[in-house]
């Protein structure tokens, strides 16, 4: 530590990434880079990053092991960056190859229908839930395409 700041270790090229849901451990790997959907927008992490904790939004996590790129669709949670380790606690997380694109497409259509009904004045529709469902479905479709 110098001047109260955490300094990155010279020569460190990876950090430990753990992605966990209430059901299972999704990822436990040494990675070189991470992009994640924080509540204030996407952010990147490289080895030696300054420690912080943030909430996570619906979106796509991308991480790299050298040139090997991986994608996951995630929903809400927390991310803790510790410099040499990143822990993601997500409500849900799916690898690209686990996503059923046809099911995600049906979910997108349902969510768009609900938002259309809300726009037409149907007060029974919960706009926030319908918007979140659409965001989840679009993210899942986006990630599924990258897994092919």
C-alpha atoms as a PDB file:
ATOM      1  CA  UNK A   1       0.000   0.000   0.000  1.00  0.00           C
ATOM      2  CA  UNK A   2       1.280   3.449  -0.905  1.00  0.00           C
ATOM      3  CA  UNK A   3      -0.409   6.751   0.010  1.00  0.00           C
ATOM      4  CA  UNK A   4      -3.430   4.790   1.306  1.00  0.00           C
ATOM      5  CA  UNK A   5      -4.108   3.232  -2.107  1.00  0.00           C
ATOM      6  CA  UNK A   6      -4.013  -0.450  -2.947  1.00  0.00           C
ATOM      7  CA  UNK A   7      -1.366  -1.067  -5.566  1.00  0.00           C
ATOM      8  CA  UNK A   8      -1.600  -3.863  -8.134  1.00  0.00           C
ATOM      9  CA  UNK A   9       1.032  -6.555  -7.822  1.00  0.00           C
ATOM     10  CA  UNK A  10       3.543  -6.321 -10.633  1.00  0.00           C
ATOM     11  CA  UNK A  11       3.230  -9.253 -13.006  1.00  0.00           C
ATOM     12  CA  UNK A  12      -0.235 -10.361 -11.826  1.00  0.00           C
ATOM     13  CA  UNK A  13      -2.218 -11.276 -14.943  1.00  0.00           C
ATOM     14  CA  UNK A  14      -5.291 -13.088 -13.592  1.00  0.00           C
ATOM     15  CA  UNK A  15      -7.773 -12.961 -10.757  1.00  0.00           C
ATOM     16  CA  UNK A  16     -10.196 -15.491  -9.286  1.00  0.00           C
ATOM     17  CA  UNK A  17     -13.802 -15.164 -10.509  1.00  0.00           C
ATOM     18  CA  UNK A  18     -16.644 -16.840  -8.649  1.00  0.00           C
ATOM     19  CA  UNK A  19     -20.238 -16.543  -9.845  1.00  0.00           C
ATOM     20  CA  UNK A  20     -22.817 -18.034  -7.473  1.00  0.00           C
ATOM     21  CA  UNK A  21     -26.616 -18.280  -7.454  1.00  0.00           C
ATOM     22  CA  UNK A  22     -28.784 -19.614  -4.627  1.00  0.00           C
ATOM     23  CA  UNK A  23     -28.939 -22.918  -6.534  1.00  0.00           C
ATOM     24  CA  UNK A  24     -25.317 -23.496  -7.557  1.00  0.00           C
ATOM     25  CA  UNK A  25     -21.781 -22.373  -8.253  1.00  0.00           C
ATOM     26  CA  UNK A  26     -21.735 -21.287 -11.916  1.00  0.00           C
ATOM     27  CA  UNK A  27     -18.103 -20.221 -12.376  1.00  0.00           C
ATOM     28  CA  UNK A  28     -14.930 -20.680 -10.342  1.00  0.00           C
ATOM     29  CA  UNK A  29     -11.989 -19.828 -12.553  1.00  0.00           C
ATOM     30  CA  UNK A  30      -8.869 -17.744 -13.010  1.00  0.00           C
ATOM     31  CA  UNK A  31      -9.695 -15.008 -15.536  1.00  0.00           C
ATOM     32  CA  UNK A  32      -7.896 -12.096 -17.182  1.00  0.00           C
ATOM     33  CA  UNK A  33     -10.808  -9.653 -17.548  1.00  0.00           C
ATOM     34  CA  UNK A  34     -14.475  -9.164 -16.616  1.00  0.00           C
ATOM     35  CA  UNK A  35     -17.299  -6.921 -17.882  1.00  0.00           C
ATOM     36  CA  UNK A  36     -20.426  -6.806 -15.701  1.00  0.00           C
ATOM     37  CA  UNK A  37     -23.746  -4.944 -15.489  1.00  0.00           C
ATOM     38  CA  UNK A  38     -23.539  -2.773 -12.396  1.00  0.00           C
ATOM     39  CA  UNK A  39     -26.556  -0.802 -11.207  1.00  0.00           C
ATOM     40  CA  UNK A  40     -24.986   2.371 -12.629  1.00  0.00           C
ATOM     41  CA  UNK A  41     -23.954   0.747 -15.920  1.00  0.00           C
ATOM     42  CA  UNK A  42     -21.422  -1.740 -17.226  1.00  0.00           C
ATOM     43  CA  UNK A  43     -17.932  -1.782 -15.713  1.00  0.00           C
ATOM     44  CA  UNK A  44     -14.730  -3.673 -16.346  1.00  0.00           C
ATOM     45  CA  UNK A  45     -12.305  -5.385 -13.979  1.00  0.00           C
ATOM     46  CA  UNK A  46      -8.672  -6.229 -14.630  1.00  0.00           C
ATOM     47  CA  UNK A  47      -6.192  -7.885 -12.224  1.00  0.00           C
ATOM     48  CA  UNK A  48      -5.313  -5.616  -9.310  1.00  0.00           C
ATOM     49  CA  UNK A  49      -8.497  -3.530  -9.571  1.00  0.00           C
ATOM     50  CA  UNK A  50      -9.277  -1.326  -6.590  1.00  0.00           C
ATOM     51  CA  UNK A  51     -11.687  -3.073  -4.177  1.00  0.00           C
ATOM     52  CA  UNK A  52     -15.376  -2.131  -4.225  1.00  0.00           C
ATOM     53  CA  UNK A  53     -18.876  -3.559  -3.832  1.00  0.00           C
ATOM     54  CA  UNK A  54     -21.831  -2.748  -6.083  1.00  0.00           C
ATOM     55  CA  UNK A  55     -25.292  -3.959  -6.881  1.00  0.00           C
ATOM     56  CA  UNK A  56     -25.821  -5.759 -10.171  1.00  0.00           C
ATOM     57  CA  UNK A  57     -28.587  -5.201 -12.699  1.00  0.00           C
ATOM     58  CA  UNK A  58     -30.079  -7.522 -15.324  1.00  0.00           C
ATOM     59  CA  UNK A  59     -27.539  -7.969 -18.097  1.00  0.00           C
ATOM     60  CA  UNK A  60     -24.669  -9.887 -19.572  1.00  0.00           C
ATOM     61  CA  UNK A  61     -21.441 -10.833 -17.859  1.00  0.00           C
ATOM     62  CA  UNK A  62     -18.516 -11.379 -20.186  1.00  0.00           C
ATOM     63  CA  UNK A  63     -15.217 -12.719 -18.944  1.00  0.00           C
ATOM     64  CA  UNK A  64     -11.995 -13.756 -20.600  1.00  0.00           C
ATOM     65  CA  UNK A  65      -9.385 -16.405 -19.903  1.00  0.00           C
ATOM     66  CA  UNK A  66      -6.736 -15.042 -22.218  1.00  0.00           C
ATOM     67  CA  UNK A  67      -8.414 -15.058 -25.646  1.00  0.00           C
ATOM     68  CA  UNK A  68     -11.201 -17.440 -24.549  1.00  0.00           C
ATOM     69  CA  UNK A  69     -14.385 -15.356 -24.149  1.00  0.00           C
ATOM     70  CA  UNK A  70     -17.400 -16.542 -22.108  1.00  0.00           C
ATOM     71  CA  UNK A  71     -20.885 -15.037 -21.703  1.00  0.00           C
ATOM     72  CA  UNK A  72     -23.595 -15.361 -19.064  1.00  0.00           C
ATOM     73  CA  UNK A  73     -27.060 -13.857 -18.694  1.00  0.00           C
ATOM     74  CA  UNK A  74     -27.537 -12.648 -15.108  1.00  0.00           C
ATOM     75  CA  UNK A  75     -30.233 -11.018 -13.037  1.00  0.00           C
ATOM     76  CA  UNK A  76     -29.780  -8.855  -9.996  1.00  0.00           C
ATOM     77  CA  UNK A  77     -27.361  -9.370  -7.188  1.00  0.00           C
ATOM     78  CA  UNK A  78     -24.088  -8.046  -5.826  1.00  0.00           C
ATOM     79  CA  UNK A  79     -20.521  -7.922  -7.044  1.00  0.00           C
ATOM     80  CA  UNK A  80     -17.527  -7.641  -4.749  1.00  0.00           C
ATOM     81  CA  UNK A  81     -14.158  -6.806  -6.280  1.00  0.00           C
ATOM     82  CA  UNK A  82     -11.252  -7.597  -3.957  1.00  0.00           C
ATOM     83  CA  UNK A  83      -8.290  -6.939  -6.250  1.00  0.00           C
ATOM     84  CA  UNK A  84      -7.257 -10.591  -6.625  1.00  0.00           C
ATOM     85  CA  UNK A  85     -10.816 -11.990  -6.528  1.00  0.00           C
ATOM     86  CA  UNK A  86     -14.266 -11.056  -7.817  1.00  0.00           C
ATOM     87  CA  UNK A  87     -17.371 -12.606  -6.284  1.00  0.00           C
ATOM     88  CA  UNK A  88     -20.702 -12.319  -8.085  1.00  0.00           C
ATOM     89  CA  UNK A  89     -23.809 -13.238  -6.095  1.00  0.00           C
ATOM     90  CA  UNK A  90     -26.627 -13.376  -8.649  1.00  0.00           C
ATOM     91  CA  UNK A  91     -30.303 -14.171  -8.382  1.00  0.00           C
ATOM     92  CA  UNK A  92     -29.923 -16.125 -11.635  1.00  0.00           C
ATOM     93  CA  UNK A  93     -27.031 -16.825 -14.018  1.00  0.00           C
ATOM     94  CA  UNK A  94     -27.068 -18.894 -17.201  1.00  0.00           C
ATOM     95  CA  UNK A  95     -24.233 -19.817 -19.516  1.00  0.00           C
ATOM     96  CA  UNK A  96     -24.915 -19.201 -23.207  1.00  0.00           C
ATOM     97  CA  UNK A  97     -25.166 -22.916 -23.940  1.00  0.00           C
ATOM     98  CA  UNK A  98     -27.771 -23.399 -21.168  1.00  0.00           C
ATOM     99  CA  UNK A  99     -30.254 -20.897 -22.596  1.00  0.00           C
ATOM    100  CA  UNK A 100     -33.321 -22.171 -24.435  1.00  0.00           C
ATOM    101  CA  UNK A 101     -33.621 -19.498 -27.162  1.00  0.00           C
ATOM    102  CA  UNK A 102     -37.166 -20.518 -28.128  1.00  0.00           C
ATOM    103  CA  UNK A 103     -38.323 -20.136 -24.522  1.00  0.00           C
ATOM    104  CA  UNK A 104     -36.565 -16.764 -24.259  1.00  0.00           C
ATOM    105  CA  UNK A 105     -38.276 -15.643 -27.471  1.00  0.00           C
ATOM    106  CA  UNK A 106     -41.692 -16.589 -26.061  1.00  0.00           C
ATOM    107  CA  UNK A 107     -40.881 -14.652 -22.872  1.00  0.00           C
ATOM    108  CA  UNK A 108     -39.914 -11.618 -24.990  1.00  0.00           C
ATOM    109  CA  UNK A 109     -43.223 -11.797 -26.866  1.00  0.00           C
ATOM    110  CA  UNK A 110     -45.219 -12.070 -23.607  1.00  0.00           C
ATOM    111  CA  UNK A 111     -43.378  -9.109 -22.056  1.00  0.00           C
ATOM    112  CA  UNK A 112     -43.858  -6.967 -25.159  1.00  0.00           C
ATOM    113  CA  UNK A 113     -47.571  -7.862 -25.124  1.00  0.00           C
ATOM    114  CA  UNK A 114     -47.878  -6.788 -21.483  1.00  0.00           C
ATOM    115  CA  UNK A 115     -46.108  -3.501 -22.192  1.00  0.00           C
ATOM    116  CA  UNK A 116     -48.413  -2.911 -25.167  1.00  0.00           C
ATOM    117  CA  UNK A 117     -51.461  -3.575 -22.969  1.00  0.00           C
ATOM    118  CA  UNK A 118     -50.106  -1.194 -20.321  1.00  0.00           C
ATOM    119  CA  UNK A 119     -49.602   1.487 -22.986  1.00  0.00           C
ATOM    120  CA  UNK A 120     -53.206   0.926 -24.096  1.00  0.00           C
ATOM    121  CA  UNK A 121     -54.385   1.797 -20.593  1.00  0.00           C
ATOM    122  CA  UNK A 122     -54.670  -1.615 -18.909  1.00  0.00           C
ATOM    123  CA  UNK A 123     -54.027  -0.627 -15.290  1.00  0.00           C
ATOM    124  CA  UNK A 124     -53.760  -4.275 -14.197  1.00  0.00           C
ATOM    125  CA  UNK A 125     -50.332  -4.495 -15.856  1.00  0.00           C
ATOM    126  CA  UNK A 126     -47.322  -3.931 -13.578  1.00  0.00           C
ATOM    127  CA  UNK A 127     -45.089  -1.865 -15.860  1.00  0.00           C
ATOM    128  CA  UNK A 128     -41.910  -2.417 -13.810  1.00  0.00           C
ATOM    129  CA  UNK A 129     -42.296  -6.203 -13.830  1.00  0.00           C
ATOM    130  CA  UNK A 130     -43.108  -6.289 -17.543  1.00  0.00           C
ATOM    131  CA  UNK A 131     -40.111  -4.092 -18.340  1.00  0.00           C
ATOM    132  CA  UNK A 132     -37.795  -6.310 -16.256  1.00  0.00           C
ATOM    133  CA  UNK A 133     -39.178  -9.435 -17.967  1.00  0.00           C
ATOM    134  CA  UNK A 134     -38.457  -7.910 -21.368  1.00  0.00           C
ATOM    135  CA  UNK A 135     -34.926  -6.944 -20.323  1.00  0.00           C
ATOM    136  CA  UNK A 136     -34.275 -10.499 -19.041  1.00  0.00           C
ATOM    137  CA  UNK A 137     -35.616 -12.091 -22.224  1.00  0.00           C
ATOM    138  CA  UNK A 138     -33.591  -9.801 -24.510  1.00  0.00           C
ATOM    139  CA  UNK A 139     -30.422 -10.448 -22.495  1.00  0.00           C
ATOM    140  CA  UNK A 140     -30.971 -14.208 -22.640  1.00  0.00           C
ATOM    141  CA  UNK A 141     -31.475 -14.040 -26.424  1.00  0.00           C
ATOM    142  CA  UNK A 142     -28.359 -11.909 -26.847  1.00  0.00           C
ATOM    143  CA  UNK A 143     -26.231 -14.302 -24.786  1.00  0.00           C
ATOM    144  CA  UNK A 144     -27.719 -17.406 -26.453  1.00  0.00           C
ATOM    145  CA  UNK A 145     -26.615 -16.154 -29.878  1.00  0.00           C
ATOM    146  CA  UNK A 146     -23.035 -15.752 -28.609  1.00  0.00           C
ATOM    147  CA  UNK A 147     -23.012 -19.355 -27.402  1.00  0.00           C
ATOM    148  CA  UNK A 148     -23.551 -20.805 -30.873  1.00  0.00           C
END
